[in-house]
């Protein structure tokens, strides 16, 4: 992690960065293990969340049709049926982001303070 910070704070633009970070095989030190385990729990959910986000289609068409035809009960029900499940998914995405933010912040602070 120190190499990354060294490159990011480099002021010599003539010098090319030369570093290698192996994120896939990185192992936490004993001092980092507690934070690593906290972050790891949150990140295990990340793959599923990303897959759901990429598959998210929204209900824009149903909403537009319902707005354009406020007296058509069938279109109102279709819009409602399309929106309700999406609200649950959006809530899940939001809750994940709320869990992710503090864990990443804690990890980054630990990395910065250990490099100083």
PDB file of N, CA and C in Angstrom:
ATOM      1  N   UNK A   1       0.835  -1.190   0.000  1.00  0.00           N
ATOM      2  CA  UNK A   1       0.000   0.000   0.000  1.00  0.00           C
ATOM      3  C   UNK A   1       0.872   1.243   0.000  1.00  0.00           C
ATOM      4  N   UNK A   2       2.033   1.132   0.622  1.00  0.00           N
ATOM      5  CA  UNK A   2       2.944   2.270   0.657  1.00  0.00           C
ATOM      6  C   UNK A   2       3.397   2.682  -0.733  1.00  0.00           C
ATOM      7  N   UNK A   3       3.573   1.691  -1.635  1.00  0.00           N
ATOM      8  CA  UNK A   3       3.974   2.012  -3.005  1.00  0.00           C
ATOM      9  C   UNK A   3       2.912   2.829  -3.718  1.00  0.00           C
ATOM     10  N   UNK A   4       1.662   2.484  -3.509  1.00  0.00           N
ATOM     11  CA  UNK A   4       0.574   3.229  -4.126  1.00  0.00           C
ATOM     12  C   UNK A   4       0.571   4.671  -3.642  1.00  0.00           C
ATOM     13  N   UNK A   5       0.717   4.868  -2.344  1.00  0.00           N
ATOM     14  CA  UNK A   5       0.745   6.228  -1.796  1.00  0.00           C
ATOM     15  C   UNK A   5       1.950   7.002  -2.312  1.00  0.00           C
ATOM     16  N   UNK A   6       3.077   6.328  -2.453  1.00  0.00           N
ATOM     17  CA  UNK A   6       4.274   6.984  -2.967  1.00  0.00           C
ATOM     18  C   UNK A   6       4.036   7.497  -4.393  1.00  0.00           C
ATOM     19  N   UNK A   7       3.385   6.671  -5.213  1.00  0.00           N
ATOM     20  CA  UNK A   7       3.109   7.067  -6.599  1.00  0.00           C
ATOM     21  C   UNK A   7       2.081   8.189  -6.643  1.00  0.00           C
ATOM     22  N   UNK A   8       1.056   8.096  -5.819  1.00  0.00           N
ATOM     23  CA  UNK A   8       0.000   9.107  -5.834  1.00  0.00           C
ATOM     24  C   UNK A   8       0.492  10.458  -5.337  1.00  0.00           C
ATOM     25  N   UNK A   9       1.509  10.469  -4.496  1.00  0.00           N
ATOM     26  CA  UNK A   9       2.028  11.733  -3.970  1.00  0.00           C
ATOM     27  C   UNK A   9       3.294  12.178  -4.685  1.00  0.00           C
ATOM     28  N   UNK A  10       3.659  11.500  -5.742  1.00  0.00           N
ATOM     29  CA  UNK A  10       4.870  11.833  -6.494  1.00  0.00           C
ATOM     30  C   UNK A  10       4.714  13.200  -7.171  1.00  0.00           C
ATOM     31  N   UNK A  11       5.712  14.062  -6.968  1.00  0.00           N
ATOM     32  CA  UNK A  11       5.672  15.395  -7.579  1.00  0.00           C
ATOM     33  C   UNK A  11       6.637  15.499  -8.752  1.00  0.00           C
ATOM     34  N   UNK A  12       7.465  14.490  -8.948  1.00  0.00           N
ATOM     35  CA  UNK A  12       8.423  14.493 -10.059  1.00  0.00           C
ATOM     36  C   UNK A  12       7.735  13.897 -11.286  1.00  0.00           C
ATOM     37  N   UNK A  13       7.281  14.759 -12.199  1.00  0.00           N
ATOM     38  CA  UNK A  13       6.530  14.291 -13.370  1.00  0.00           C
ATOM     39  C   UNK A  13       7.415  13.608 -14.399  1.00  0.00           C
ATOM     40  N   UNK A  14       8.729  13.801 -14.320  1.00  0.00           N
ATOM     41  CA  UNK A  14       9.651  13.156 -15.256  1.00  0.00           C
ATOM     42  C   UNK A  14       9.818  11.673 -14.916  1.00  0.00           C
ATOM     43  N   UNK A  15       9.684  11.354 -13.669  1.00  0.00           N
ATOM     44  CA  UNK A  15       9.881   9.985 -13.201  1.00  0.00           C
ATOM     45  C   UNK A  15       8.595   9.187 -13.409  1.00  0.00           C
ATOM     46  N   UNK A  16       8.706   8.070 -14.125  1.00  0.00           N
ATOM     47  CA  UNK A  16       7.529   7.229 -14.329  1.00  0.00           C
ATOM     48  C   UNK A  16       7.313   6.333 -13.123  1.00  0.00           C
ATOM     49  N   UNK A  17       6.074   6.141 -12.737  1.00  0.00           N
ATOM     50  CA  UNK A  17       5.824   5.250 -11.604  1.00  0.00           C
ATOM     51  C   UNK A  17       6.199   3.816 -11.952  1.00  0.00           C
ATOM     52  N   UNK A  18       6.797   3.124 -11.004  1.00  0.00           N
ATOM     53  CA  UNK A  18       7.176   1.737 -11.202  1.00  0.00           C
ATOM     54  C   UNK A  18       6.787   0.965  -9.954  1.00  0.00           C
ATOM     55  N   UNK A  19       5.619   0.348  -9.983  1.00  0.00           N
ATOM     56  CA  UNK A  19       5.154  -0.403  -8.830  1.00  0.00           C
ATOM     57  C   UNK A  19       4.220  -1.505  -9.283  1.00  0.00           C
ATOM     58  N   UNK A  20       4.038  -2.457  -8.416  1.00  0.00           N
ATOM     59  CA  UNK A  20       3.125  -3.569  -8.679  1.00  0.00           C
ATOM     60  C   UNK A  20       2.310  -3.818  -7.418  1.00  0.00           C
ATOM     61  N   UNK A  21       1.006  -3.821  -7.551  1.00  0.00           N
ATOM     62  CA  UNK A  21       0.112  -4.130  -6.433  1.00  0.00           C
ATOM     63  C   UNK A  21      -0.650  -5.399  -6.778  1.00  0.00           C
ATOM     64  N   UNK A  22      -0.509  -6.401  -5.968  1.00  0.00           N
ATOM     65  CA  UNK A  22      -1.187  -7.674  -6.192  1.00  0.00           C
ATOM     66  C   UNK A  22      -2.417  -7.743  -5.292  1.00  0.00           C
ATOM     67  N   UNK A  23      -3.521  -7.190  -5.774  1.00  0.00           N
ATOM     68  CA  UNK A  23      -4.740  -7.152  -4.976  1.00  0.00           C
ATOM     69  C   UNK A  23      -5.362  -8.535  -4.802  1.00  0.00           C
ATOM     70  N   UNK A  24      -5.205  -9.393  -5.791  1.00  0.00           N
ATOM     71  CA  UNK A  24      -5.854 -10.698  -5.735  1.00  0.00           C
ATOM     72  C   UNK A  24      -5.250 -11.606  -4.671  1.00  0.00           C
ATOM     73  N   UNK A  25      -3.954 -11.498  -4.447  1.00  0.00           N
ATOM     74  CA  UNK A  25      -3.295 -12.372  -3.491  1.00  0.00           C
ATOM     75  C   UNK A  25      -2.857 -11.659  -2.218  1.00  0.00           C
ATOM     76  N   UNK A  26      -3.343 -10.472  -2.002  1.00  0.00           N
ATOM     77  CA  UNK A  26      -2.958  -9.697  -0.817  1.00  0.00           C
ATOM     78  C   UNK A  26      -3.511 -10.360   0.441  1.00  0.00           C
ATOM     79  N   UNK A  27      -2.715 -10.357   1.472  1.00  0.00           N
ATOM     80  CA  UNK A  27      -3.124 -10.900   2.759  1.00  0.00           C
ATOM     81  C   UNK A  27      -2.937  -9.831   3.822  1.00  0.00           C
ATOM     82  N   UNK A  28      -3.890  -9.700   4.731  1.00  0.00           N
ATOM     83  CA  UNK A  28      -3.767  -8.669   5.770  1.00  0.00           C
ATOM     84  C   UNK A  28      -2.718  -9.067   6.811  1.00  0.00           C
ATOM     85  N   UNK A  29      -2.084  -8.066   7.363  1.00  0.00           N
ATOM     86  CA  UNK A  29      -1.197  -8.311   8.498  1.00  0.00           C
ATOM     87  C   UNK A  29      -2.068  -8.510   9.729  1.00  0.00           C
ATOM     88  N   UNK A  30      -1.455  -8.929  10.810  1.00  0.00           N
ATOM     89  CA  UNK A  30      -2.227  -9.107  12.049  1.00  0.00           C
ATOM     90  C   UNK A  30      -2.883  -7.803  12.470  1.00  0.00           C
ATOM     91  N   UNK A  31      -2.188  -6.682  12.278  1.00  0.00           N
ATOM     92  CA  UNK A  31      -2.741  -5.383  12.659  1.00  0.00           C
ATOM     93  C   UNK A  31      -3.917  -4.983  11.780  1.00  0.00           C
ATOM     94  N   UNK A  32      -3.949  -5.465  10.555  1.00  0.00           N
ATOM     95  CA  UNK A  32      -5.010  -5.096   9.614  1.00  0.00           C
ATOM     96  C   UNK A  32      -6.176  -6.083   9.614  1.00  0.00           C
ATOM     97  N   UNK A  33      -5.984  -7.238  10.230  1.00  0.00           N
ATOM     98  CA  UNK A  33      -6.953  -8.330  10.096  1.00  0.00           C
ATOM     99  C   UNK A  33      -8.379  -7.947  10.521  1.00  0.00           C
ATOM    100  N   UNK A  34      -8.548  -7.247  11.615  1.00  0.00           N
ATOM    101  CA  UNK A  34      -9.889  -6.891  12.085  1.00  0.00           C
ATOM    102  C   UNK A  34     -10.628  -6.035  11.054  1.00  0.00           C
ATOM    103  N   UNK A  35      -9.933  -5.012  10.541  1.00  0.00           N
ATOM    104  CA  UNK A  35     -10.555  -4.150   9.527  1.00  0.00           C
ATOM    105  C   UNK A  35     -10.794  -4.937   8.251  1.00  0.00           C
ATOM    106  N   UNK A  36      -9.844  -5.770   7.858  1.00  0.00           N
ATOM    107  CA  UNK A  36      -9.981  -6.572   6.644  1.00  0.00           C
ATOM    108  C   UNK A  36     -11.213  -7.462   6.729  1.00  0.00           C
ATOM    109  N   UNK A  37     -11.433  -8.089   7.887  1.00  0.00           N
ATOM    110  CA  UNK A  37     -12.599  -8.963   8.046  1.00  0.00           C
ATOM    111  C   UNK A  37     -13.899  -8.175   7.961  1.00  0.00           C
ATOM    112  N   UNK A  38     -13.918  -6.968   8.519  1.00  0.00           N
ATOM    113  CA  UNK A  38     -15.126  -6.131   8.438  1.00  0.00           C
ATOM    114  C   UNK A  38     -15.412  -5.750   6.986  1.00  0.00           C
ATOM    115  N   UNK A  39     -14.376  -5.351   6.267  1.00  0.00           N
ATOM    116  CA  UNK A  39     -14.545  -4.961   4.864  1.00  0.00           C
ATOM    117  C   UNK A  39     -14.924  -6.172   4.023  1.00  0.00           C
ATOM    118  N   UNK A  40     -14.312  -7.310   4.294  1.00  0.00           N
ATOM    119  CA  UNK A  40     -14.572  -8.522   3.527  1.00  0.00           C
ATOM    120  C   UNK A  40     -16.033  -8.943   3.608  1.00  0.00           C
ATOM    121  N   UNK A  41     -16.645  -8.815   4.784  1.00  0.00           N
ATOM    122  CA  UNK A  41     -18.061  -9.169   4.946  1.00  0.00           C
ATOM    123  C   UNK A  41     -18.922  -8.331   4.005  1.00  0.00           C
ATOM    124  N   UNK A  42     -18.634  -7.049   3.934  1.00  0.00           N
ATOM    125  CA  UNK A  42     -19.418  -6.159   3.068  1.00  0.00           C
ATOM    126  C   UNK A  42     -19.145  -6.465   1.600  1.00  0.00           C
ATOM    127  N   UNK A  43     -17.885  -6.682   1.254  1.00  0.00           N
ATOM    128  CA  UNK A  43     -17.533  -6.901  -0.148  1.00  0.00           C
ATOM    129  C   UNK A  43     -18.046  -8.238  -0.694  1.00  0.00           C
ATOM    130  N   UNK A  44     -18.322  -9.185   0.170  1.00  0.00           N
ATOM    131  CA  UNK A  44     -18.880 -10.464  -0.305  1.00  0.00           C
ATOM    132  C   UNK A  44     -20.239 -10.251  -0.958  1.00  0.00           C
ATOM    133  N   UNK A  45     -20.959  -9.229  -0.536  1.00  0.00           N
ATOM    134  CA  UNK A  45     -22.253  -8.912  -1.137  1.00  0.00           C
ATOM    135  C   UNK A  45     -22.109  -8.111  -2.430  1.00  0.00           C
ATOM    136  N   UNK A  46     -20.927  -7.585  -2.683  1.00  0.00           N
ATOM    137  CA  UNK A  46     -20.733  -6.657  -3.799  1.00  0.00           C
ATOM    138  C   UNK A  46     -21.028  -7.286  -5.159  1.00  0.00           C
ATOM    139  N   UNK A  47     -20.603  -8.522  -5.392  1.00  0.00           N
ATOM    140  CA  UNK A  47     -20.813  -9.155  -6.696  1.00  0.00           C
ATOM    141  C   UNK A  47     -22.296  -9.246  -7.024  1.00  0.00           C
ATOM    142  N   UNK A  48     -23.089  -9.697  -6.072  1.00  0.00           N
ATOM    143  CA  UNK A  48     -24.532  -9.795  -6.302  1.00  0.00           C
ATOM    144  C   UNK A  48     -25.170  -8.446  -6.535  1.00  0.00           C
ATOM    145  N   UNK A  49     -24.734  -7.451  -5.768  1.00  0.00           N
ATOM    146  CA  UNK A  49     -25.268  -6.092  -5.928  1.00  0.00           C
ATOM    147  C   UNK A  49     -24.910  -5.550  -7.308  1.00  0.00           C
ATOM    148  N   UNK A  50     -23.664  -5.747  -7.723  1.00  0.00           N
ATOM    149  CA  UNK A  50     -23.256  -5.256  -9.047  1.00  0.00           C
ATOM    150  C   UNK A  50     -24.044  -5.946 -10.161  1.00  0.00           C
ATOM    151  N   UNK A  51     -24.254  -7.238 -10.033  1.00  0.00           N
ATOM    152  CA  UNK A  51     -25.049  -7.959 -11.036  1.00  0.00           C
ATOM    153  C   UNK A  51     -26.471  -7.405 -11.105  1.00  0.00           C
ATOM    154  N   UNK A  52     -27.067  -7.163  -9.938  1.00  0.00           N
ATOM    155  CA  UNK A  52     -28.416  -6.596  -9.915  1.00  0.00           C
ATOM    156  C   UNK A  52     -28.454  -5.192 -10.508  1.00  0.00           C
ATOM    157  N   UNK A  53     -27.446  -4.380 -10.201  1.00  0.00           N
ATOM    158  CA  UNK A  53     -27.399  -3.023 -10.754  1.00  0.00           C
ATOM    159  C   UNK A  53     -27.278  -3.044 -12.271  1.00  0.00           C
ATOM    160  N   UNK A  54     -26.460  -3.948 -12.784  1.00  0.00           N
ATOM    161  CA  UNK A  54     -26.294  -4.029 -14.236  1.00  0.00           C
ATOM    162  C   UNK A  54     -27.561  -4.521 -14.924  1.00  0.00           C
ATOM    163  N   UNK A  55     -28.351  -5.331 -14.242  1.00  0.00           N
ATOM    164  CA  UNK A  55     -29.587  -5.850 -14.821  1.00  0.00           C
ATOM    165  C   UNK A  55     -30.775  -4.924 -14.586  1.00  0.00           C
ATOM    166  N   UNK A  56     -30.586  -3.860 -13.822  1.00  0.00           N
ATOM    167  CA  UNK A  56     -31.682  -2.952 -13.462  1.00  0.00           C
ATOM    168  C   UNK A  56     -32.208  -2.236 -14.710  1.00  0.00           C
ATOM    169  N   UNK A  57     -33.502  -2.369 -14.959  1.00  0.00           N
ATOM    170  CA  UNK A  57     -34.110  -1.761 -16.148  1.00  0.00           C
ATOM    171  C   UNK A  57     -34.974  -0.552 -15.822  1.00  0.00           C
ATOM    172  N   UNK A  58     -35.473  -0.487 -14.616  1.00  0.00           N
ATOM    173  CA  UNK A  58     -36.359   0.621 -14.278  1.00  0.00           C
ATOM    174  C   UNK A  58     -37.765   0.370 -14.798  1.00  0.00           C
ATOM    175  N   UNK A  59     -38.623   1.331 -14.581  1.00  0.00           N
ATOM    176  CA  UNK A  59     -40.020   1.221 -15.009  1.00  0.00           C
ATOM    177  C   UNK A  59     -40.461   2.501 -15.696  1.00  0.00           C
ATOM    178  N   UNK A  60     -39.533   3.128 -16.384  1.00  0.00           N
ATOM    179  CA  UNK A  60     -39.808   4.414 -17.026  1.00  0.00           C
ATOM    180  C   UNK A  60     -40.980   4.387 -17.994  1.00  0.00           C
ATOM    181  N   UNK A  61     -41.037   3.351 -18.820  1.00  0.00           N
ATOM    182  CA  UNK A  61     -42.106   3.274 -19.813  1.00  0.00           C
ATOM    183  C   UNK A  61     -43.477   3.141 -19.143  1.00  0.00           C
ATOM    184  N   UNK A  62     -43.558   2.273 -18.161  1.00  0.00           N
ATOM    185  CA  UNK A  62     -44.830   2.067 -17.452  1.00  0.00           C
ATOM    186  C   UNK A  62     -45.262   3.354 -16.747  1.00  0.00           C
ATOM    187  N   UNK A  63     -44.311   4.049 -16.153  1.00  0.00           N
ATOM    188  CA  UNK A  63     -44.628   5.294 -15.448  1.00  0.00           C
ATOM    189  C   UNK A  63     -45.114   6.357 -16.438  1.00  0.00           C
ATOM    190  N   UNK A  64     -44.415   6.483 -17.569  1.00  0.00           N
ATOM    191  CA  UNK A  64     -44.836   7.480 -18.577  1.00  0.00           C
ATOM    192  C   UNK A  64     -46.246   7.202 -19.080  1.00  0.00           C
ATOM    193  N   UNK A  65     -46.531   5.941 -19.371  1.00  0.00           N
ATOM    194  CA  UNK A  65     -47.874   5.592 -19.864  1.00  0.00           C
ATOM    195  C   UNK A  65     -48.941   5.890 -18.814  1.00  0.00           C
ATOM    196  N   UNK A  66     -48.644   5.601 -17.562  1.00  0.00           N
ATOM    197  CA  UNK A  66     -49.613   5.863 -16.495  1.00  0.00           C
ATOM    198  C   UNK A  66     -49.843   7.361 -16.327  1.00  0.00           C
ATOM    199  N   UNK A  67     -48.788   8.155 -16.433  1.00  0.00           N
ATOM    200  CA  UNK A  67     -48.920   9.611 -16.299  1.00  0.00           C
ATOM    201  C   UNK A  67     -49.700  10.190 -17.477  1.00  0.00           C
ATOM    202  N   UNK A  68     -49.445   9.673 -18.671  1.00  0.00           N
ATOM    203  CA  UNK A  68     -50.126  10.177 -19.856  1.00  0.00           C
ATOM    204  C   UNK A  68     -51.598   9.768 -19.900  1.00  0.00           C
ATOM    205  N   UNK A  69     -51.947   8.735 -19.170  1.00  0.00           N
ATOM    206  CA  UNK A  69     -53.328   8.234 -19.153  1.00  0.00           C
ATOM    207  C   UNK A  69     -53.810   8.076 -17.711  1.00  0.00           C
ATOM    208  N   UNK A  70     -54.000   9.186 -17.005  1.00  0.00           N
ATOM    209  CA  UNK A  70     -54.323   9.099 -15.572  1.00  0.00           C
ATOM    210  C   UNK A  70     -55.665   8.429 -15.271  1.00  0.00           C
ATOM    211  N   UNK A  71     -56.542   8.331 -16.237  1.00  0.00           N
ATOM    212  CA  UNK A  71     -57.855   7.718 -15.990  1.00  0.00           C
ATOM    213  C   UNK A  71     -57.906   6.242 -16.383  1.00  0.00           C
ATOM    214  N   UNK A  72     -56.829   5.727 -16.937  1.00  0.00           N
ATOM    215  CA  UNK A  72     -56.792   4.317 -17.338  1.00  0.00           C
ATOM    216  C   UNK A  72     -56.311   3.483 -16.143  1.00  0.00           C
ATOM    217  N   UNK A  73     -57.248   2.844 -15.483  1.00  0.00           N
ATOM    218  CA  UNK A  73     -56.940   2.077 -14.264  1.00  0.00           C
ATOM    219  C   UNK A  73     -55.963   0.933 -14.535  1.00  0.00           C
ATOM    220  N   UNK A  74     -56.083   0.303 -15.696  1.00  0.00           N
ATOM    221  CA  UNK A  74     -55.196  -0.809 -16.041  1.00  0.00           C
ATOM    222  C   UNK A  74     -53.748  -0.344 -16.121  1.00  0.00           C
ATOM    223  N   UNK A  75     -53.510   0.811 -16.765  1.00  0.00           N
ATOM    224  CA  UNK A  75     -52.145   1.342 -16.864  1.00  0.00           C
ATOM    225  C   UNK A  75     -51.613   1.781 -15.501  1.00  0.00           C
ATOM    226  N   UNK A  76     -52.496   2.300 -14.654  1.00  0.00           N
ATOM    227  CA  UNK A  76     -52.082   2.698 -13.306  1.00  0.00           C
ATOM    228  C   UNK A  76     -51.625   1.467 -12.511  1.00  0.00           C
ATOM    229  N   UNK A  77     -52.369   0.381 -12.641  1.00  0.00           N
ATOM    230  CA  UNK A  77     -52.018  -0.847 -11.930  1.00  0.00           C
ATOM    231  C   UNK A  77     -50.734  -1.467 -12.479  1.00  0.00           C
ATOM    232  N   UNK A  78     -50.554  -1.396 -13.801  1.00  0.00           N
ATOM    233  CA  UNK A  78     -49.316  -1.914 -14.397  1.00  0.00           C
ATOM    234  C   UNK A  78     -48.107  -1.122 -13.908  1.00  0.00           C
ATOM    235  N   UNK A  79     -48.253   0.181 -13.847  1.00  0.00           N
ATOM    236  CA  UNK A  79     -47.154   1.018 -13.369  1.00  0.00           C
ATOM    237  C   UNK A  79     -46.838   0.692 -11.917  1.00  0.00           C
ATOM    238  N   UNK A  80     -47.878   0.573 -11.117  1.00  0.00           N
ATOM    239  CA  UNK A  80     -47.675   0.267  -9.696  1.00  0.00           C
ATOM    240  C   UNK A  80     -46.989  -1.095  -9.537  1.00  0.00           C
ATOM    241  N   UNK A  81     -47.448  -2.082 -10.305  1.00  0.00           N
ATOM    242  CA  UNK A  81     -46.863  -3.420 -10.230  1.00  0.00           C
ATOM    243  C   UNK A  81     -45.405  -3.418 -10.682  1.00  0.00           C
ATOM    244  N   UNK A  82     -45.045  -2.537 -11.590  1.00  0.00           N
ATOM    245  CA  UNK A  82     -43.658  -2.447 -12.058  1.00  0.00           C
ATOM    246  C   UNK A  82     -42.775  -1.704 -11.057  1.00  0.00           C
ATOM    247  N   UNK A  83     -43.331  -0.704 -10.385  1.00  0.00           N
ATOM    248  CA  UNK A  83     -42.545   0.154  -9.488  1.00  0.00           C
ATOM    249  C   UNK A  83     -42.288  -0.488  -8.129  1.00  0.00           C
ATOM    250  N   UNK A  84     -43.259  -1.155  -7.575  1.00  0.00           N
ATOM    251  CA  UNK A  84     -43.140  -1.679  -6.207  1.00  0.00           C
ATOM    252  C   UNK A  84     -41.912  -2.583  -6.029  1.00  0.00           C
ATOM    253  N   UNK A  85     -41.670  -3.575  -6.899  1.00  0.00           N
ATOM    254  CA  UNK A  85     -40.475  -4.406  -6.694  1.00  0.00           C
ATOM    255  C   UNK A  85     -39.175  -3.610  -6.853  1.00  0.00           C
ATOM    256  N   UNK A  86     -39.195  -2.596  -7.716  1.00  0.00           N
ATOM    257  CA  UNK A  86     -37.997  -1.792  -7.931  1.00  0.00           C
ATOM    258  C   UNK A  86     -37.648  -0.957  -6.707  1.00  0.00           C
ATOM    259  N   UNK A  87     -38.651  -0.530  -5.969  1.00  0.00           N
ATOM    260  CA  UNK A  87     -38.404   0.235  -4.743  1.00  0.00           C
ATOM    261  C   UNK A  87     -37.627  -0.636  -3.756  1.00  0.00           C
ATOM    262  N   UNK A  88     -37.996  -1.892  -3.657  1.00  0.00           N
ATOM    263  CA  UNK A  88     -37.274  -2.814  -2.779  1.00  0.00           C
ATOM    264  C   UNK A  88     -35.826  -2.994  -3.213  1.00  0.00           C
ATOM    265  N   UNK A  89     -35.621  -3.104  -4.517  1.00  0.00           N
ATOM    266  CA  UNK A  89     -34.248  -3.253  -5.019  1.00  0.00           C
ATOM    267  C   UNK A  89     -33.434  -1.991  -4.770  1.00  0.00           C
ATOM    268  N   UNK A  90     -34.040  -0.825  -5.001  1.00  0.00           N
ATOM    269  CA  UNK A  90     -33.330   0.435  -4.749  1.00  0.00           C
ATOM    270  C   UNK A  90     -32.976   0.574  -3.273  1.00  0.00           C
ATOM    271  N   UNK A  91     -33.877   0.132  -2.412  1.00  0.00           N
ATOM    272  CA  UNK A  91     -33.598   0.165  -0.972  1.00  0.00           C
ATOM    273  C   UNK A  91     -32.405  -0.732  -0.649  1.00  0.00           C
ATOM    274  N   UNK A  92     -32.360  -1.885  -1.266  1.00  0.00           N
ATOM    275  CA  UNK A  92     -31.237  -2.818  -1.059  1.00  0.00           C
ATOM    276  C   UNK A  92     -29.923  -2.179  -1.524  1.00  0.00           C
ATOM    277  N   UNK A  93     -29.930  -1.522  -2.682  1.00  0.00           N
ATOM    278  CA  UNK A  93     -28.722  -0.846  -3.183  1.00  0.00           C
ATOM    279  C   UNK A  93     -28.285   0.257  -2.224  1.00  0.00           C
ATOM    280  N   UNK A  94     -29.251   1.022  -1.747  1.00  0.00           N
ATOM    281  CA  UNK A  94     -28.942   2.118  -0.828  1.00  0.00           C
ATOM    282  C   UNK A  94     -28.349   1.581   0.474  1.00  0.00           C
ATOM    283  N   UNK A  95     -28.967   0.544   1.024  1.00  0.00           N
ATOM    284  CA  UNK A  95     -28.461  -0.023   2.270  1.00  0.00           C
ATOM    285  C   UNK A  95     -27.054  -0.582   2.099  1.00  0.00           C
ATOM    286  N   UNK A  96     -26.782  -1.183   0.944  1.00  0.00           N
ATOM    287  CA  UNK A  96     -25.425  -1.669   0.680  1.00  0.00           C
ATOM    288  C   UNK A  96     -24.443  -0.504   0.631  1.00  0.00           C
ATOM    289  N   UNK A  97     -24.825   0.575  -0.021  1.00  0.00           N
ATOM    290  CA  UNK A  97     -23.928   1.735  -0.101  1.00  0.00           C
ATOM    291  C   UNK A  97     -23.660   2.317   1.279  1.00  0.00           C
ATOM    292  N   UNK A  98     -24.667   2.259   2.156  1.00  0.00           N
ATOM    293  CA  UNK A  98     -24.486   2.755   3.515  1.00  0.00           C
ATOM    294  C   UNK A  98     -23.537   1.859   4.315  1.00  0.00           C
ATOM    295  N   UNK A  99     -23.544   0.578   4.043  1.00  0.00           N
ATOM    296  CA  UNK A  99     -22.609  -0.338   4.701  1.00  0.00           C
ATOM    297  C   UNK A  99     -21.206  -0.200   4.119  1.00  0.00           C
ATOM    298  N   UNK A 100     -21.126  -0.004   2.828  1.00  0.00           N
ATOM    299  CA  UNK A 100     -19.839   0.047   2.141  1.00  0.00           C
ATOM    300  C   UNK A 100     -19.038   1.300   2.495  1.00  0.00           C
ATOM    301  N   UNK A 101     -19.688   2.442   2.546  1.00  0.00           N
ATOM    302  CA  UNK A 101     -18.992   3.708   2.790  1.00  0.00           C
ATOM    303  C   UNK A 101     -18.131   3.719   4.033  1.00  0.00           C
ATOM    304  N   UNK A 102     -18.674   3.422   5.201  1.00  0.00           N
ATOM    305  CA  UNK A 102     -17.859   3.447   6.421  1.00  0.00           C
ATOM    306  C   UNK A 102     -16.731   2.417   6.411  1.00  0.00           C
ATOM    307  N   UNK A 103     -16.971   1.237   5.838  1.00  0.00           N
ATOM    308  CA  UNK A 103     -15.926   0.204   5.820  1.00  0.00           C
ATOM    309  C   UNK A 103     -14.753   0.628   4.954  1.00  0.00           C
ATOM    310  N   UNK A 104     -15.042   1.172   3.782  1.00  0.00           N
ATOM    311  CA  UNK A 104     -13.969   1.620   2.897  1.00  0.00           C
ATOM    312  C   UNK A 104     -13.227   2.791   3.529  1.00  0.00           C
ATOM    313  N   UNK A 105     -13.949   3.705   4.139  1.00  0.00           N
ATOM    314  CA  UNK A 105     -13.307   4.843   4.804  1.00  0.00           C
ATOM    315  C   UNK A 105     -12.371   4.373   5.905  1.00  0.00           C
ATOM    316  N   UNK A 106     -12.825   3.431   6.708  1.00  0.00           N
ATOM    317  CA  UNK A 106     -11.998   2.890   7.788  1.00  0.00           C
ATOM    318  C   UNK A 106     -10.741   2.248   7.223  1.00  0.00           C
ATOM    319  N   UNK A 107     -10.904   1.469   6.169  1.00  0.00           N
ATOM    320  CA  UNK A 107      -9.764   0.789   5.562  1.00  0.00           C
ATOM    321  C   UNK A 107      -8.767   1.791   4.987  1.00  0.00           C
ATOM    322  N   UNK A 108      -9.259   2.790   4.272  1.00  0.00           N
ATOM    323  CA  UNK A 108      -8.364   3.785   3.680  1.00  0.00           C
ATOM    324  C   UNK A 108      -7.634   4.583   4.758  1.00  0.00           C
ATOM    325  N   UNK A 109      -8.332   4.940   5.810  1.00  0.00           N
ATOM    326  CA  UNK A 109      -7.664   5.660   6.909  1.00  0.00           C
ATOM    327  C   UNK A 109      -6.581   4.808   7.541  1.00  0.00           C
ATOM    328  N   UNK A 110      -6.860   3.540   7.735  1.00  0.00           N
ATOM    329  CA  UNK A 110      -5.861   2.638   8.296  1.00  0.00           C
ATOM    330  C   UNK A 110      -4.642   2.586   7.381  1.00  0.00           C
ATOM    331  N   UNK A 111      -4.864   2.482   6.077  1.00  0.00           N
ATOM    332  CA  UNK A 111      -3.746   2.416   5.135  1.00  0.00           C
ATOM    333  C   UNK A 111      -2.924   3.693   5.154  1.00  0.00           C
ATOM    334  N   UNK A 112      -3.588   4.823   5.191  1.00  0.00           N
ATOM    335  CA  UNK A 112      -2.879   6.102   5.179  1.00  0.00           C
ATOM    336  C   UNK A 112      -2.065   6.273   6.456  1.00  0.00           C
ATOM    337  N   UNK A 113      -2.668   6.014   7.600  1.00  0.00           N
ATOM    338  CA  UNK A 113      -1.970   6.218   8.871  1.00  0.00           C
ATOM    339  C   UNK A 113      -0.825   5.236   9.055  1.00  0.00           C
ATOM    340  N   UNK A 114      -0.950   4.040   8.522  1.00  0.00           N
ATOM    341  CA  UNK A 114       0.133   3.065   8.653  1.00  0.00           C
ATOM    342  C   UNK A 114       1.298   3.405   7.730  1.00  0.00           C
ATOM    343  N   UNK A 115       1.047   4.198   6.681  1.00  0.00           N
ATOM    344  CA  UNK A 115       2.098   4.564   5.724  1.00  0.00           C
ATOM    345  C   UNK A 115       2.865   5.796   6.178  1.00  0.00           C
ATOM    346  N   UNK A 116       2.333   6.533   7.135  1.00  0.00           N
ATOM    347  CA  UNK A 116       2.977   7.777   7.574  1.00  0.00           C
ATOM    348  C   UNK A 116       4.105   7.461   8.539  1.00  0.00           C
TER     349      UNK A 116
END
